[in-house]
Amino acid sequence: MRLIDADKLYDWVRRECNPYGKPTIDFESGNRMLDMIKRSSTAFDKEKVIDEIHISSAGIVVNMNVSSSYAEGYIDAAKDIIEIVEKGGIE
């Protein structure tokens, strides 16, 4: 499975579904696709993922008896992961 930009897909279907010209997608099928895209749920909740990273990283650092430099490295890694999630993963 891969995540897609539903807004871009919606815009593409809307552009290709043209009742007045020669459409790539027939009007009725296009409208059904647009409705399906609108009703589809998000594959994951970005804020929930970020919260889980915060909770798990804090719990691991607290529960591990490690040096402060190791804990700082772990926290820095968690911050990097959160930044990647916030940006959407890829450019």
N, C-alpha and C. Protein backbone atom coordinates (compact mmCIF):
# COMPACT_ATOMS: atom_id res chain seq x y z
N MET A 1 0.85 -1.17 0.00
CA MET A 1 0.00 0.00 0.00
C MET A 1 0.88 1.23 0.00
N ARG A 2 0.43 2.29 -0.67
CA ARG A 2 1.14 3.55 -0.62
C ARG A 2 0.13 4.67 -0.44
N LEU A 3 0.58 5.74 0.16
CA LEU A 3 -0.28 6.88 0.39
C LEU A 3 -0.28 7.77 -0.85
N ILE A 4 -1.41 8.35 -1.15
CA ILE A 4 -1.50 9.26 -2.29
C ILE A 4 -2.04 10.59 -1.81
N ASP A 5 -1.87 11.60 -2.62
CA ASP A 5 -2.44 12.92 -2.33
C ASP A 5 -3.86 12.93 -2.90
N ALA A 6 -4.83 12.75 -2.04
CA ALA A 6 -6.23 12.66 -2.47
C ALA A 6 -6.70 13.95 -3.14
N ASP A 7 -6.18 15.09 -2.71
CA ASP A 7 -6.57 16.37 -3.32
C ASP A 7 -6.11 16.44 -4.77
N LYS A 8 -4.91 15.97 -5.04
CA LYS A 8 -4.41 15.97 -6.43
C LYS A 8 -5.21 15.00 -7.29
N LEU A 9 -5.53 13.84 -6.75
CA LEU A 9 -6.34 12.87 -7.48
C LEU A 9 -7.72 13.45 -7.77
N TYR A 10 -8.32 14.08 -6.78
CA TYR A 10 -9.64 14.69 -6.93
C TYR A 10 -9.60 15.74 -8.04
N ASP A 11 -8.58 16.61 -8.02
CA ASP A 11 -8.46 17.65 -9.04
C ASP A 11 -8.28 17.06 -10.43
N TRP A 12 -7.49 15.97 -10.54
CA TRP A 12 -7.28 15.35 -11.83
C TRP A 12 -8.58 14.76 -12.37
N VAL A 13 -9.32 14.04 -11.52
CA VAL A 13 -10.59 13.45 -11.96
C VAL A 13 -11.55 14.55 -12.39
N ARG A 14 -11.61 15.62 -11.62
CA ARG A 14 -12.51 16.74 -11.95
C ARG A 14 -12.14 17.36 -13.30
N ARG A 15 -10.83 17.49 -13.57
CA ARG A 15 -10.40 18.05 -14.86
C ARG A 15 -10.72 17.12 -16.02
N GLU A 16 -10.54 15.82 -15.81
CA GLU A 16 -10.74 14.85 -16.89
C GLU A 16 -12.21 14.53 -17.14
N CYS A 17 -13.06 14.84 -16.20
CA CYS A 17 -14.49 14.56 -16.32
C CYS A 17 -15.19 15.81 -16.84
N ASN A 18 -15.36 15.88 -18.15
CA ASN A 18 -15.88 17.10 -18.77
C ASN A 18 -17.16 16.77 -19.54
N PRO A 19 -18.31 17.25 -19.08
CA PRO A 19 -19.56 16.92 -19.77
C PRO A 19 -19.73 17.65 -21.10
N TYR A 20 -18.92 18.68 -21.37
CA TYR A 20 -19.10 19.50 -22.56
C TYR A 20 -18.11 19.19 -23.67
N GLY A 21 -17.02 18.55 -23.35
CA GLY A 21 -16.01 18.23 -24.35
C GLY A 21 -15.87 16.74 -24.49
N LYS A 22 -14.73 16.34 -25.00
CA LYS A 22 -14.46 14.91 -25.13
C LYS A 22 -13.72 14.48 -23.86
N PRO A 23 -14.44 13.91 -22.91
CA PRO A 23 -13.83 13.58 -21.63
C PRO A 23 -12.97 12.32 -21.69
N THR A 24 -11.97 12.30 -20.83
CA THR A 24 -11.19 11.08 -20.64
C THR A 24 -12.01 10.10 -19.81
N ILE A 25 -12.77 10.65 -18.87
CA ILE A 25 -13.62 9.84 -17.99
C ILE A 25 -15.06 10.29 -18.23
N ASP A 26 -15.97 9.33 -18.42
CA ASP A 26 -17.36 9.73 -18.63
C ASP A 26 -17.89 10.42 -17.37
N PHE A 27 -18.82 11.32 -17.57
CA PHE A 27 -19.31 12.20 -16.51
C PHE A 27 -19.84 11.45 -15.30
N GLU A 28 -20.65 10.42 -15.53
CA GLU A 28 -21.25 9.67 -14.42
C GLU A 28 -20.17 8.94 -13.60
N SER A 29 -19.25 8.27 -14.29
CA SER A 29 -18.17 7.57 -13.58
C SER A 29 -17.29 8.56 -12.83
N GLY A 30 -17.01 9.69 -13.45
CA GLY A 30 -16.20 10.71 -12.80
C GLY A 30 -16.83 11.22 -11.53
N ASN A 31 -18.14 11.47 -11.57
CA ASN A 31 -18.83 11.93 -10.36
C ASN A 31 -18.83 10.88 -9.26
N ARG A 32 -18.94 9.62 -9.63
CA ARG A 32 -18.87 8.55 -8.63
C ARG A 32 -17.47 8.49 -8.00
N MET A 33 -16.44 8.65 -8.83
CA MET A 33 -15.07 8.65 -8.30
C MET A 33 -14.85 9.83 -7.36
N LEU A 34 -15.34 11.01 -7.74
CA LEU A 34 -15.18 12.19 -6.89
C LEU A 34 -15.85 11.97 -5.53
N ASP A 35 -17.03 11.39 -5.56
CA ASP A 35 -17.75 11.11 -4.32
C ASP A 35 -16.98 10.11 -3.46
N MET A 36 -16.43 9.08 -4.10
CA MET A 36 -15.67 8.07 -3.37
C MET A 36 -14.42 8.70 -2.74
N ILE A 37 -13.73 9.56 -3.47
CA ILE A 37 -12.53 10.22 -2.94
C ILE A 37 -12.90 11.07 -1.73
N LYS A 38 -14.00 11.81 -1.83
CA LYS A 38 -14.44 12.67 -0.71
C LYS A 38 -14.75 11.85 0.54
N ARG A 39 -15.36 10.67 0.35
CA ARG A 39 -15.79 9.87 1.50
C ARG A 39 -14.69 8.97 2.07
N SER A 40 -13.57 8.85 1.36
CA SER A 40 -12.50 7.96 1.82
C SER A 40 -11.80 8.53 3.04
N SER A 41 -11.47 7.63 3.95
CA SER A 41 -10.76 8.06 5.15
C SER A 41 -9.27 8.19 4.86
N THR A 42 -8.60 8.93 5.70
CA THR A 42 -7.16 9.09 5.58
C THR A 42 -6.49 7.81 6.04
N ALA A 43 -5.41 7.43 5.39
CA ALA A 43 -4.72 6.19 5.72
C ALA A 43 -4.10 6.24 7.12
N PHE A 44 -3.65 7.41 7.53
CA PHE A 44 -3.16 7.56 8.90
C PHE A 44 -3.32 9.00 9.34
N ASP A 45 -3.37 9.16 10.63
CA ASP A 45 -3.53 10.48 11.23
C ASP A 45 -2.15 10.98 11.63
N LYS A 46 -1.64 11.99 10.92
CA LYS A 46 -0.29 12.48 11.15
C LYS A 46 -0.07 12.91 12.60
N GLU A 47 -1.03 13.62 13.17
CA GLU A 47 -0.89 14.08 14.56
C GLU A 47 -0.82 12.90 15.54
N LYS A 48 -1.60 11.86 15.27
CA LYS A 48 -1.57 10.69 16.15
C LYS A 48 -0.22 9.98 16.05
N VAL A 49 0.34 9.90 14.85
CA VAL A 49 1.65 9.28 14.68
C VAL A 49 2.70 10.07 15.45
N ILE A 50 2.65 11.39 15.34
CA ILE A 50 3.61 12.24 16.06
C ILE A 50 3.46 12.07 17.57
N ASP A 51 2.22 12.04 18.04
CA ASP A 51 2.00 11.82 19.48
C ASP A 51 2.57 10.48 19.94
N GLU A 52 2.37 9.44 19.14
CA GLU A 52 2.89 8.11 19.49
C GLU A 52 4.41 8.12 19.53
N ILE A 53 5.05 8.84 18.62
CA ILE A 53 6.52 8.94 18.64
C ILE A 53 6.98 9.63 19.92
N HIS A 54 6.31 10.72 20.29
CA HIS A 54 6.65 11.42 21.54
C HIS A 54 6.51 10.49 22.74
N ILE A 55 5.39 9.81 22.82
CA ILE A 55 5.12 8.93 23.97
C ILE A 55 6.12 7.79 24.04
N SER A 56 6.35 7.12 22.91
CA SER A 56 7.25 5.96 22.95
C SER A 56 8.69 6.38 23.19
N SER A 57 9.12 7.49 22.59
CA SER A 57 10.51 7.91 22.82
C SER A 57 10.73 8.35 24.26
N ALA A 58 9.78 9.05 24.83
CA ALA A 58 9.91 9.47 26.24
C ALA A 58 9.91 8.25 27.15
N GLY A 59 9.05 7.29 26.87
CA GLY A 59 8.97 6.08 27.69
C GLY A 59 10.24 5.26 27.62
N ILE A 60 10.82 5.14 26.46
CA ILE A 60 12.06 4.36 26.32
C ILE A 60 13.20 5.03 27.06
N VAL A 61 13.32 6.35 26.90
CA VAL A 61 14.41 7.08 27.58
C VAL A 61 14.26 6.98 29.09
N VAL A 62 13.05 7.12 29.59
CA VAL A 62 12.82 7.05 31.05
C VAL A 62 13.08 5.65 31.57
N ASN A 63 12.63 4.63 30.85
CA ASN A 63 12.74 3.25 31.33
C ASN A 63 14.12 2.64 31.15
N MET A 64 14.94 3.23 30.29
CA MET A 64 16.28 2.71 30.08
C MET A 64 17.25 3.39 31.04
N ASN A 65 18.13 2.65 31.58
CA ASN A 65 19.16 3.21 32.46
C ASN A 65 20.40 3.45 31.60
N VAL A 66 20.41 4.58 30.88
CA VAL A 66 21.51 4.86 29.94
C VAL A 66 22.10 6.22 30.24
N SER A 67 23.25 6.47 29.62
CA SER A 67 23.91 7.76 29.81
C SER A 67 23.08 8.86 29.17
N SER A 68 23.31 10.07 29.64
CA SER A 68 22.53 11.20 29.11
C SER A 68 22.86 11.46 27.64
N SER A 69 24.09 11.20 27.20
CA SER A 69 24.43 11.42 25.79
C SER A 69 23.67 10.43 24.90
N TYR A 70 23.51 9.19 25.37
CA TYR A 70 22.74 8.20 24.62
C TYR A 70 21.28 8.63 24.55
N ALA A 71 20.73 9.08 25.67
CA ALA A 71 19.34 9.53 25.71
C ALA A 71 19.14 10.72 24.79
N GLU A 72 20.09 11.66 24.80
CA GLU A 72 19.99 12.82 23.91
C GLU A 72 20.00 12.39 22.45
N GLY A 73 20.84 11.42 22.12
CA GLY A 73 20.88 10.90 20.74
C GLY A 73 19.56 10.27 20.34
N TYR A 74 18.96 9.55 21.27
CA TYR A 74 17.66 8.92 21.00
C TYR A 74 16.58 9.98 20.79
N ILE A 75 16.59 10.99 21.63
CA ILE A 75 15.61 12.08 21.50
C ILE A 75 15.82 12.83 20.19
N ASP A 76 17.09 13.08 19.81
CA ASP A 76 17.36 13.74 18.53
C ASP A 76 16.84 12.92 17.35
N ALA A 77 17.02 11.60 17.43
CA ALA A 77 16.51 10.72 16.37
C ALA A 77 14.99 10.80 16.28
N ALA A 78 14.33 10.82 17.44
CA ALA A 78 12.87 10.94 17.45
C ALA A 78 12.43 12.26 16.83
N LYS A 79 13.17 13.34 17.12
CA LYS A 79 12.85 14.65 16.52
C LYS A 79 12.99 14.60 15.00
N ASP A 80 14.04 13.92 14.52
CA ASP A 80 14.23 13.78 13.07
C ASP A 80 13.08 13.00 12.44
N ILE A 81 12.65 11.95 13.11
CA ILE A 81 11.53 11.15 12.60
C ILE A 81 10.27 12.00 12.54
N ILE A 82 10.02 12.78 13.58
CA ILE A 82 8.84 13.64 13.60
C ILE A 82 8.88 14.65 12.46
N GLU A 83 10.07 15.20 12.20
CA GLU A 83 10.21 16.15 11.10
C GLU A 83 9.89 15.51 9.75
N ILE A 84 10.33 14.26 9.56
CA ILE A 84 10.03 13.54 8.33
C ILE A 84 8.53 13.32 8.20
N VAL A 85 7.87 12.91 9.27
CA VAL A 85 6.42 12.69 9.23
C VAL A 85 5.69 13.99 8.93
N GLU A 86 6.12 15.09 9.55
CA GLU A 86 5.45 16.39 9.33
C GLU A 86 5.58 16.84 7.88
N LYS A 87 6.73 16.55 7.24
CA LYS A 87 6.93 16.94 5.85
C LYS A 87 6.21 16.02 4.87
N GLY A 88 5.73 14.90 5.35
CA GLY A 88 5.02 13.98 4.46
C GLY A 88 5.90 12.87 3.93
N GLY A 89 7.10 12.73 4.43
CA GLY A 89 7.94 11.61 4.06
C GLY A 89 8.89 11.90 2.93
N ILE A 90 8.38 12.33 1.77
CA ILE A 90 9.24 12.57 0.63
C ILE A 90 8.95 13.91 0.02
N GLU A 91 9.90 14.41 -0.72
CA GLU A 91 9.74 15.71 -1.39
C GLU A 91 8.96 15.52 -2.67
